[in-house]
Amino acid sequence: MRFDAVRVDGAEGRRLADMMDSITAGDPGPIATESNGCRAVYFYLPAGSTANRVWAPGVTRFNSVSGTVSYVPVPALGGDTWPLFWYCPPSYPERFVHPAILRNAAAALFGHPMSFGEGEGEGRVNSRSGSPSPGG
C-alpha cells in the first residue's frame, strides 16, 4: 500500500491528534503514536498528498516526493507492537487523514499562517456544518 505520512514529535503531536479527533467527530483517519524516543505521532495520508505543500514548522513529511521511499512505522492492526500504538486505527481500507484539514489544524496549533496551494480547495469542510463541501 502506498501512502504519505507526516510526523509531529512529543506533546505537540498528541495535541494535534486530539485536535484532529475533535474536528472530525472521532474519525480523523489513521494516526499512530510512539511511546519511546521522541514520542512521535504519525498521520497517514493519501499517496502524493503532502508534496508541493507548505507545512507548519515541526511537521516532518515522508514519501512526499515522487520516486522516494521512506521508512514509516505502522503498528499492527491486532496484537502488541510496542512502542507503536494506534491513536485511531484505520476505519476501512483506503481511509486516510485528510491533508487539508491536517495542514490547517497544524497551522492553527503552531501559529503558522497557511494558504491553500494550487488544487487544494477541493474537499474542504464546510465550517458551519463540519461536513465535506460539494465536490470534495
C-alpha atoms as a PDB file:
ATOM      1  CA  MET A   1       0.000   0.000   0.000  1.00  0.00           C
ATOM      2  CA  ARG A   2       1.305   3.451  -0.880  1.00  0.00           C
ATOM      3  CA  PHE A   3       0.758   6.443   1.360  1.00  0.00           C
ATOM      4  CA  ASP A   4       2.368   9.626   2.591  1.00  0.00           C
ATOM      5  CA  ALA A   5       2.887  10.324   6.252  1.00  0.00           C
ATOM      6  CA  VAL A   6       3.685  13.277   8.440  1.00  0.00           C
ATOM      7  CA  ARG A   7       5.251  13.125  11.880  1.00  0.00           C
ATOM      8  CA  VAL A   8       4.949  15.581  14.744  1.00  0.00           C
ATOM      9  CA  ASP A   9       7.037  14.847  17.826  1.00  0.00           C
ATOM     10  CA  GLY A  10       6.143  14.954  21.501  1.00  0.00           C
ATOM     11  CA  ALA A  11       3.297  16.766  23.201  1.00  0.00           C
ATOM     12  CA  GLU A  12       2.644  18.859  20.092  1.00  0.00           C
ATOM     13  CA  GLY A  13       1.910  15.699  18.101  1.00  0.00           C
ATOM     14  CA  ARG A  14      -0.522  14.494  20.718  1.00  0.00           C
ATOM     15  CA  ARG A  15      -2.260  17.873  20.828  1.00  0.00           C
ATOM     16  CA  LEU A  16      -2.564  17.791  17.037  1.00  0.00           C
ATOM     17  CA  ALA A  17      -4.012  14.251  17.174  1.00  0.00           C
ATOM     18  CA  ASP A  18      -6.517  15.389  19.811  1.00  0.00           C
ATOM     19  CA  MET A  19      -7.439  18.391  17.656  1.00  0.00           C
ATOM     20  CA  MET A  20      -7.941  16.199  14.573  1.00  0.00           C
ATOM     21  CA  ASP A  21     -10.076  13.790  16.612  1.00  0.00           C
ATOM     22  CA  SER A  22     -12.248  16.687  17.760  1.00  0.00           C
ATOM     23  CA  ILE A  23     -12.517  18.360  14.340  1.00  0.00           C
ATOM     24  CA  THR A  24     -13.585  15.118  12.648  1.00  0.00           C
ATOM     25  CA  ALA A  25     -16.008  13.937  15.349  1.00  0.00           C
ATOM     26  CA  GLY A  26     -13.830  10.959  16.244  1.00  0.00           C
ATOM     27  CA  ASP A  27     -12.872   9.793  12.747  1.00  0.00           C
ATOM     28  CA  PRO A  28      -9.656  11.606  11.799  1.00  0.00           C
ATOM     29  CA  GLY A  29      -8.221   8.714   9.799  1.00  0.00           C
ATOM     30  CA  PRO A  30      -5.289   6.528  10.815  1.00  0.00           C
ATOM     31  CA  ILE A  31      -2.969   8.040  13.423  1.00  0.00           C
ATOM     32  CA  ALA A  32      -0.288   6.157  15.357  1.00  0.00           C
ATOM     33  CA  THR A  33       1.747   7.128  18.410  1.00  0.00           C
ATOM     34  CA  GLU A  34       5.200   6.071  19.523  1.00  0.00           C
ATOM     35  CA  SER A  35       5.810   5.510  23.239  1.00  0.00           C
ATOM     36  CA  ASN A  36       9.580   5.939  23.333  1.00  0.00           C
ATOM     37  CA  GLY A  37      12.248   8.181  21.858  1.00  0.00           C
ATOM     38  CA  CYS A  38      10.794  11.460  20.632  1.00  0.00           C
ATOM     39  CA  ARG A  39       7.241  10.142  21.293  1.00  0.00           C
ATOM     40  CA  ALA A  40       6.307  10.780  17.673  1.00  0.00           C
ATOM     41  CA  VAL A  41       2.785  10.883  16.301  1.00  0.00           C
ATOM     42  CA  TYR A  42       2.330   9.685  12.708  1.00  0.00           C
ATOM     43  CA  PHE A  43      -0.552  10.782  10.495  1.00  0.00           C
ATOM     44  CA  TYR A  44      -1.116   8.584   7.407  1.00  0.00           C
ATOM     45  CA  LEU A  45      -2.286  10.459   4.286  1.00  0.00           C
ATOM     46  CA  PRO A  46      -3.093   9.565   0.665  1.00  0.00           C
ATOM     47  CA  ALA A  47      -0.063   8.975  -1.560  1.00  0.00           C
ATOM     48  CA  GLY A  48       1.220  12.205  -3.115  1.00  0.00           C
ATOM     49  CA  SER A  49      -0.890  14.471  -0.910  1.00  0.00           C
ATOM     50  CA  THR A  50       1.951  16.064   1.069  1.00  0.00           C
ATOM     51  CA  ALA A  51       4.100  17.094  -1.905  1.00  0.00           C
ATOM     52  CA  ASN A  52       4.379  20.706  -3.030  1.00  0.00           C
ATOM     53  CA  ARG A  53       2.605  21.978   0.074  1.00  0.00           C
ATOM     54  CA  VAL A  54       3.802  24.290   2.806  1.00  0.00           C
ATOM     55  CA  TRP A  55       3.562  22.651   6.230  1.00  0.00           C
ATOM     56  CA  ALA A  56       3.932  24.268   9.631  1.00  0.00           C
ATOM     57  CA  PRO A  57       7.345  24.101  11.311  1.00  0.00           C
ATOM     58  CA  GLY A  58       7.625  20.946  13.407  1.00  0.00           C
ATOM     59  CA  VAL A  59       5.916  18.755  10.783  1.00  0.00           C
ATOM     60  CA  THR A  60       8.154  16.182   9.066  1.00  0.00           C
ATOM     61  CA  ARG A  61       6.931  14.748   5.743  1.00  0.00           C
ATOM     62  CA  PHE A  62       7.618  11.236   4.454  1.00  0.00           C
ATOM     63  CA  ASN A  63       7.239   9.918   0.877  1.00  0.00           C
ATOM     64  CA  SER A  64       6.176  13.334  -0.375  1.00  0.00           C
ATOM     65  CA  VAL A  65       8.418  13.379  -3.433  1.00  0.00           C
ATOM     66  CA  SER A  66       7.876  11.098  -6.412  1.00  0.00           C
ATOM     67  CA  GLY A  67      10.374   8.256  -6.507  1.00  0.00           C
ATOM     68  CA  THR A  68      11.268   8.415  -2.809  1.00  0.00           C
ATOM     69  CA  VAL A  69      10.796   5.665  -0.292  1.00  0.00           C
ATOM     70  CA  SER A  70      10.829   6.269   3.459  1.00  0.00           C
ATOM     71  CA  TYR A  71      10.623   4.035   6.482  1.00  0.00           C
ATOM     72  CA  VAL A  72       7.408   4.915   8.275  1.00  0.00           C
ATOM     73  CA  PRO A  73       6.434   2.741  11.226  1.00  0.00           C
ATOM     74  CA  VAL A  74       2.927   1.301  11.174  1.00  0.00           C
ATOM     75  CA  PRO A  75       1.542  -0.643  14.144  1.00  0.00           C
ATOM     76  CA  ALA A  76      -0.132  -3.998  13.594  1.00  0.00           C
ATOM     77  CA  LEU A  77      -3.919  -3.947  13.475  1.00  0.00           C
ATOM     78  CA  GLY A  78      -4.014  -6.658  16.120  1.00  0.00           C
ATOM     79  CA  GLY A  79      -1.590  -7.662  18.830  1.00  0.00           C
ATOM     80  CA  ASP A  80       1.209  -5.842  20.610  1.00  0.00           C
ATOM     81  CA  THR A  81       3.609  -3.733  18.540  1.00  0.00           C
ATOM     82  CA  TRP A  82       5.242  -1.736  21.345  1.00  0.00           C
ATOM     83  CA  PRO A  83       6.351   1.047  21.144  1.00  0.00           C
ATOM     84  CA  LEU A  84       3.758   1.785  18.445  1.00  0.00           C
ATOM     85  CA  PHE A  85       0.058   2.066  19.186  1.00  0.00           C
ATOM     86  CA  TRP A  86      -2.954   3.213  17.202  1.00  0.00           C
ATOM     87  CA  TYR A  87      -4.331   6.534  18.392  1.00  0.00           C
ATOM     88  CA  CYS A  88      -7.006   5.985  15.766  1.00  0.00           C
ATOM     89  CA  PRO A  89      -6.823   2.779  13.698  1.00  0.00           C
ATOM     90  CA  PRO A  90      -7.893   2.767  10.049  1.00  0.00           C
ATOM     91  CA  SER A  91     -11.679   2.548   9.909  1.00  0.00           C
ATOM     92  CA  TYR A  92     -11.723   0.961   6.447  1.00  0.00           C
ATOM     93  CA  PRO A  93      -9.328   0.356   3.515  1.00  0.00           C
ATOM     94  CA  GLU A  94      -8.192   3.487   1.684  1.00  0.00           C
ATOM     95  CA  ARG A  95      -9.254   5.697   4.619  1.00  0.00           C
ATOM     96  CA  PHE A  96      -6.591   8.318   5.332  1.00  0.00           C
ATOM     97  CA  VAL A  97      -6.201  11.558   7.249  1.00  0.00           C
ATOM     98  CA  HIS A  98      -7.495  14.476   5.147  1.00  0.00           C
ATOM     99  CA  PRO A  99      -4.400  16.507   4.154  1.00  0.00           C
ATOM    100  CA  ALA A 100      -6.000  19.985   4.044  1.00  0.00           C
ATOM    101  CA  ILE A 101      -7.694  19.532   7.421  1.00  0.00           C
ATOM    102  CA  LEU A 102      -4.422  18.311   8.958  1.00  0.00           C
ATOM    103  CA  ARG A 103      -2.378  21.140   7.422  1.00  0.00           C
ATOM    104  CA  ASN A 104      -4.768  23.774   8.672  1.00  0.00           C
ATOM    105  CA  ALA A 105      -5.064  22.208  12.124  1.00  0.00           C
ATOM    106  CA  ALA A 106      -1.256  22.122  12.387  1.00  0.00           C
ATOM    107  CA  ALA A 107      -1.080  25.747  11.251  1.00  0.00           C
ATOM    108  CA  ALA A 108      -3.643  26.789  13.852  1.00  0.00           C
ATOM    109  CA  LEU A 109      -1.957  24.810  16.622  1.00  0.00           C
ATOM    110  CA  PHE A 110       1.541  26.058  15.819  1.00  0.00           C
ATOM    111  CA  GLY A 111       0.506  29.626  14.967  1.00  0.00           C
ATOM    112  CA  HIS A 112       1.750  29.374  11.383  1.00  0.00           C
ATOM    113  CA  PRO A 113      -0.365  31.110   8.701  1.00  0.00           C
ATOM    114  CA  MET A 114      -1.384  28.837   5.820  1.00  0.00           C
ATOM    115  CA  SER A 115      -2.972  29.300   2.466  1.00  0.00           C
ATOM    116  CA  PHE A 116      -4.243  26.663   0.089  1.00  0.00           C
ATOM    117  CA  GLY A 117      -1.874  25.712  -2.697  1.00  0.00           C
ATOM    118  CA  GLU A 118      -2.951  25.009  -6.241  1.00  0.00           C
ATOM    119  CA  GLY A 119      -5.672  22.352  -6.359  1.00  0.00           C
ATOM    120  CA  GLU A 120      -6.117  22.280  -2.597  1.00  0.00           C
ATOM    121  CA  GLY A 121      -9.532  23.921  -2.439  1.00  0.00           C
ATOM    122  CA  GLU A 122     -11.177  20.612  -3.288  1.00  0.00           C
ATOM    123  CA  GLY A 123     -12.616  18.595  -0.448  1.00  0.00           C
ATOM    124  CA  ARG A 124     -12.821  21.428   2.058  1.00  0.00           C
ATOM    125  CA  VAL A 125     -15.001  21.030   5.091  1.00  0.00           C
ATOM    126  CA  ASN A 126     -17.954  23.364   5.462  1.00  0.00           C
ATOM    127  CA  SER A 127     -17.116  25.449   8.537  1.00  0.00           C
ATOM    128  CA  ARG A 128     -20.755  25.727   9.595  1.00  0.00           C
ATOM    129  CA  SER A 129     -21.814  22.100   9.351  1.00  0.00           C
ATOM    130  CA  GLY A 130     -18.445  20.343   9.641  1.00  0.00           C
ATOM    131  CA  SER A 131     -19.299  18.161   6.656  1.00  0.00           C
ATOM    132  CA  PRO A 132     -17.474  17.984   3.326  1.00  0.00           C
ATOM    133  CA  SER A 133     -18.370  20.681   0.847  1.00  0.00           C
ATOM    134  CA  PRO A 134     -19.803  19.639  -2.526  1.00  0.00           C
ATOM    135  CA  GLY A 135     -17.157  18.419  -4.972  1.00  0.00           C
ATOM    136  CA  GLY A 136     -14.890  17.019  -2.280  1.00  0.00           C
END
